[in-house]
Every structure is written in structure tokens, then in C-alpha cells.
Protein backbone atom coordinates (compact mmCIF):
# COMPACT_ATOMS: atom_id res chain seq x y z
CA UNK A 1 1.88 -50.26 -3.10
CA UNK A 2 1.03 -48.44 -6.80
CA UNK A 3 2.32 -49.58 -10.29
CA UNK A 4 3.85 -46.81 -12.70
CA UNK A 5 3.84 -48.12 -16.48
CA UNK A 6 6.74 -47.12 -18.28
CA UNK A 7 4.59 -44.66 -20.61
CA UNK A 8 3.11 -42.70 -17.68
CA UNK A 9 7.26 -42.21 -16.14
CA UNK A 10 7.97 -40.86 -19.73
CA UNK A 11 5.04 -38.95 -19.55
CA UNK A 12 5.47 -37.52 -16.17
CA UNK A 13 9.45 -37.14 -17.44
CA UNK A 14 8.82 -35.34 -20.76
CA UNK A 15 6.46 -32.81 -18.29
CA UNK A 16 9.17 -32.27 -15.77
CA UNK A 17 11.74 -31.62 -18.94
CA UNK A 18 9.15 -29.15 -20.25
CA UNK A 19 9.43 -27.51 -16.73
CA UNK A 20 12.77 -27.07 -16.39
CA UNK A 21 13.20 -26.04 -19.98
CA UNK A 22 11.32 -23.26 -19.43
CA UNK A 23 12.35 -22.19 -15.93
CA UNK A 24 15.73 -22.05 -17.70
CA UNK A 25 14.41 -19.41 -19.89
CA UNK A 26 12.71 -17.56 -16.98
CA UNK A 27 16.36 -17.07 -14.98
CA UNK A 28 17.96 -16.41 -18.84
CA UNK A 29 15.47 -13.68 -19.10
CA UNK A 30 17.28 -9.77 -17.93
CA UNK A 31 14.18 -8.34 -16.41
CA UNK A 32 14.34 -4.71 -16.20
CA UNK A 33 12.24 -2.82 -12.81
CA UNK A 34 9.91 0.27 -13.80
CA UNK A 35 9.91 4.01 -12.91
CA UNK A 36 6.77 2.98 -10.66
CA UNK A 37 8.44 -0.77 -9.43
CA UNK A 38 11.75 1.07 -8.04
CA UNK A 39 9.73 3.90 -6.72
CA UNK A 40 7.47 1.69 -4.57
CA UNK A 41 10.91 -0.88 -3.73
CA UNK A 42 12.76 2.68 -2.31
CA UNK A 43 9.43 3.25 -0.40
CA UNK A 44 9.31 0.28 1.23
CA UNK A 45 13.29 0.02 2.47
CA UNK A 46 12.08 3.23 4.22
CA UNK A 47 10.16 1.84 6.23
CA UNK A 48 11.55 0.52 9.57
CA UNK A 49 11.89 -3.49 11.30
CA UNK A 50 9.68 -2.44 14.06
CA UNK A 51 6.70 -1.81 11.90
CA UNK A 52 6.89 -4.53 9.70
CA UNK A 53 4.48 -7.57 10.49
CA UNK A 54 6.36 -11.19 10.72
CA UNK A 55 5.35 -13.49 7.87
CA UNK A 56 4.25 -16.23 11.66
CA UNK A 57 1.69 -12.95 12.20
CA UNK A 58 0.00 -12.68 9.12
CA UNK A 59 -0.01 -16.28 8.91
CA UNK A 60 -1.86 -17.00 12.26
CA UNK A 61 -3.88 -14.30 11.52
CA UNK A 62 -5.07 -15.92 8.04
CA UNK A 63 -5.65 -19.37 9.69
CA UNK A 64 -7.12 -17.90 12.85
CA UNK A 65 -10.98 -16.73 10.46
């Protein structure tokens, strides 16, 4: 069984608090898509679902190599 010292737990908790503060900041921001991104998104939404590849299909292709 692994024992952890109080100082190591305190450091890990401090790191988690920093990460959470960063994530809260990112989520609070209001980002806007650029014109290019809006065009690409509109184009991607026009592609029929039948032409899209599933996550499983891509994962199997990558893992087969």
C-alpha cells in the first residue's frame, strides 16, 4: 500500500485548485468563431451523415497499423 505524506497531498490539492480556476476562467470566456471557421462549419454541416466515418471505424484503422 502506498502512503502519501501530508505535504504531497497538499501540493496535489493546490495543483487541482489551480487547474479548476483555469477551467472556470476558460468556461467564463465568450469566444467567437472567425469568418473562416463559420464557413467551414456551414460546409461541414451540409455533408450527409451517410458520408461520415464513425469514431469506431477511424479508431480501428489507426489501431490496425
